[in-house]
Amino acid sequence: MEVLALERTLTELDHARLSRLMPRDARSGSNAHPIESILEWARLVPSRDISPDIVTMYSQIVLGLPGGRQKKLTLCYPQDAEPSEGFVSVLSPAGSGLLGLRVGDRACWRTPTGGESAAEVLAILFQPEASGDYTT
C-alpha cells in the first residue's frame, strides 16, 4: 500500500521548496519517491490562501492511530527531523503520507520495515500560515 491518492493541497512555497529537494535523476520512473506524485498532482495555492485545516510544512498535528492512541508531531524538512522529539521529515513515509491532507483525512503508507501503517489527521494545533507566517 502506498500513500493514498487523496486530494492534496500545497502552498506554492512548500511545493517549490520540496521540488528542489528531489534529486533530478529520481524524478521519474518506478524508483521515484512517493512525494513526487504528490508534488505532481497537488492543488497549489498561495500561502495566504491555504485553509487552516490543511497540513503544511511545520504544521503541528495530532494523529489518531490504531487502538485509539494519539500522537502529536510536526512535519518538517529532512534537516530538521528529530523523530524522537516529534519532528518528522516530509520525505519519510509518514511525512509524505500526511503532507497536504485536511483534518479528518486518513493517510496510509508503507513503513521502512515493509509493513503498512495508517493514521487520521485529528487536529492541527499549529499551522505557520494560519498564524501569519507565510515564509516558513
Protein backbone atom coordinates (compact mmCIF):
# COMPACT_ATOMS: atom_id res chain seq x y z
CA MET A 1 0.00 0.00 0.00
CA GLU A 2 1.39 3.36 -0.97
CA VAL A 3 0.25 6.82 0.07
CA LEU A 4 -3.48 7.08 -0.58
CA ALA A 5 -4.42 9.14 -3.59
CA LEU A 6 -6.40 11.73 -1.66
CA GLU A 7 -6.68 15.25 -2.95
CA ARG A 8 -3.73 17.22 -1.63
CA THR A 9 -3.41 20.97 -1.33
CA LEU A 10 0.03 22.54 -1.02
CA THR A 11 1.21 26.09 -0.76
CA GLU A 12 3.16 27.28 -3.78
CA LEU A 13 6.14 27.90 -1.47
CA ASP A 14 6.08 24.38 0.02
CA HIS A 15 5.79 22.93 -3.49
CA ALA A 16 8.76 24.93 -4.78
CA ARG A 17 10.97 24.04 -1.79
CA LEU A 18 10.08 20.36 -1.89
CA SER A 19 10.63 20.19 -5.64
CA ARG A 20 14.17 21.46 -5.12
CA LEU A 21 14.85 18.72 -2.54
CA MET A 22 14.33 15.89 -5.00
CA PRO A 23 17.39 14.75 -6.96
CA ARG A 24 16.93 15.28 -10.68
CA ASP A 25 17.60 11.60 -11.50
CA ALA A 26 14.89 10.46 -9.05
CA ARG A 27 12.12 12.48 -10.67
CA SER A 28 10.83 9.74 -12.91
CA GLY A 29 10.48 6.01 -13.20
CA SER A 30 9.49 3.32 -10.77
CA ASN A 31 12.05 4.40 -8.18
CA ALA A 32 10.55 7.87 -7.82
CA HIS A 33 9.98 9.00 -4.25
CA PRO A 34 6.28 8.84 -3.20
CA ILE A 35 6.25 12.60 -2.70
CA GLU A 36 6.85 13.05 -6.43
CA SER A 37 3.26 12.12 -7.28
CA ILE A 38 2.01 14.43 -4.54
CA LEU A 39 4.03 17.31 -6.00
CA GLU A 40 2.80 16.50 -9.48
CA TRP A 41 -0.91 16.22 -8.69
CA ALA A 42 -1.46 18.56 -5.74
CA ARG A 43 -3.63 21.63 -5.99
CA LEU A 44 -1.39 24.66 -5.41
CA VAL A 45 -2.49 27.82 -3.63
CA PRO A 46 -0.68 30.93 -2.42
CA SER A 47 0.41 30.68 1.23
CA ARG A 48 -2.07 33.41 2.23
CA ASP A 49 -4.94 31.36 0.76
CA ILE A 50 -4.28 27.95 2.37
CA SER A 51 -7.08 26.70 4.58
CA PRO A 52 -6.11 26.38 8.26
CA ASP A 53 -7.27 22.73 8.28
CA ILE A 54 -4.58 21.56 5.81
CA VAL A 55 -1.22 20.07 6.84
CA THR A 56 1.58 22.30 5.56
CA MET A 57 5.28 22.31 6.32
CA TYR A 58 5.96 22.88 10.02
CA SER A 59 2.35 22.19 10.96
CA GLN A 60 1.99 20.58 14.37
CA ILE A 61 -0.69 17.93 14.13
CA VAL A 62 -2.47 15.33 16.23
CA LEU A 63 -2.83 11.91 14.63
CA GLY A 64 -5.31 9.22 15.50
CA LEU A 65 -3.56 5.85 15.47
CA PRO A 66 -4.91 2.30 15.63
CA GLY A 67 -6.23 1.30 19.03
CA GLY A 68 -7.42 4.82 19.83
CA ARG A 69 -3.92 6.12 20.52
CA GLN A 70 -2.96 9.67 19.58
CA LYS A 71 0.39 11.13 18.62
CA LYS A 72 1.49 14.74 18.20
CA LEU A 73 4.08 15.53 15.54
CA THR A 74 5.48 18.38 13.50
CA LEU A 75 6.03 17.93 9.75
CA CYS A 76 9.46 19.30 8.82
CA TYR A 77 12.22 19.28 6.22
CA PRO A 78 14.81 16.46 6.47
CA GLN A 79 17.50 18.66 8.04
CA ASP A 80 15.20 19.43 10.99
CA ALA A 81 13.94 15.88 11.55
CA GLU A 82 14.16 14.56 15.13
CA PRO A 83 11.65 11.70 15.24
CA SER A 84 12.21 11.09 18.97
CA GLU A 85 11.19 14.73 19.56
CA GLY A 86 8.15 14.53 17.27
CA PHE A 87 9.75 16.26 14.24
CA VAL A 88 9.03 14.01 11.25
CA SER A 89 10.64 14.55 7.84
CA VAL A 90 8.31 15.21 4.95
CA LEU A 91 10.42 12.74 2.98
CA SER A 92 9.72 9.91 5.43
CA PRO A 93 6.87 7.56 4.54
CA ALA A 94 4.64 9.05 7.25
CA GLY A 95 5.59 12.62 6.37
CA SER A 96 4.84 12.11 2.69
CA GLY A 97 1.58 10.48 3.65
CA LEU A 98 0.43 13.49 5.66
CA LEU A 99 1.51 16.48 3.58
CA GLY A 100 -1.42 18.39 2.11
CA LEU A 101 -4.17 16.43 3.87
CA ARG A 102 -7.13 18.01 5.67
CA VAL A 103 -8.27 17.41 9.21
CA GLY A 104 -10.37 14.25 9.04
CA ASP A 105 -8.39 12.67 6.18
CA ARG A 106 -6.71 9.32 6.65
CA ALA A 107 -3.21 8.62 5.35
CA CYS A 108 -1.73 5.19 4.70
CA TRP A 109 1.91 4.43 3.99
CA ARG A 110 4.43 1.63 3.90
CA THR A 111 6.80 1.55 6.87
CA PRO A 112 10.59 1.19 6.41
CA THR A 113 10.27 -2.46 7.51
CA GLY A 114 7.71 -3.18 4.77
CA GLY A 115 4.59 -3.11 6.95
CA GLU A 116 1.61 -0.88 6.48
CA SER A 117 0.59 1.96 8.74
CA ALA A 118 -2.26 4.45 8.81
CA ALA A 119 -3.35 7.49 10.78
CA GLU A 120 -6.14 10.03 10.74
CA VAL A 121 -5.41 13.74 10.97
CA LEU A 122 -7.44 14.62 14.07
CA ALA A 123 -6.35 18.23 14.57
CA ILE A 124 -3.88 20.88 13.53
CA LEU A 125 -2.52 22.54 16.65
CA PHE A 126 -0.31 24.97 14.73
CA GLN A 127 -0.03 25.88 11.07
CA PRO A 128 2.51 28.61 10.17
CA GLU A 129 0.26 30.19 7.56
CA ALA A 130 -2.72 30.35 9.92
CA SER A 131 -0.55 32.31 12.37
CA GLY A 132 0.51 34.80 9.65
CA ASP A 133 3.90 33.20 8.80
CA TYR A 134 3.98 32.89 5.03
CA THR A 135 7.74 32.29 4.67
CA THR A 136 8.47 29.19 6.77
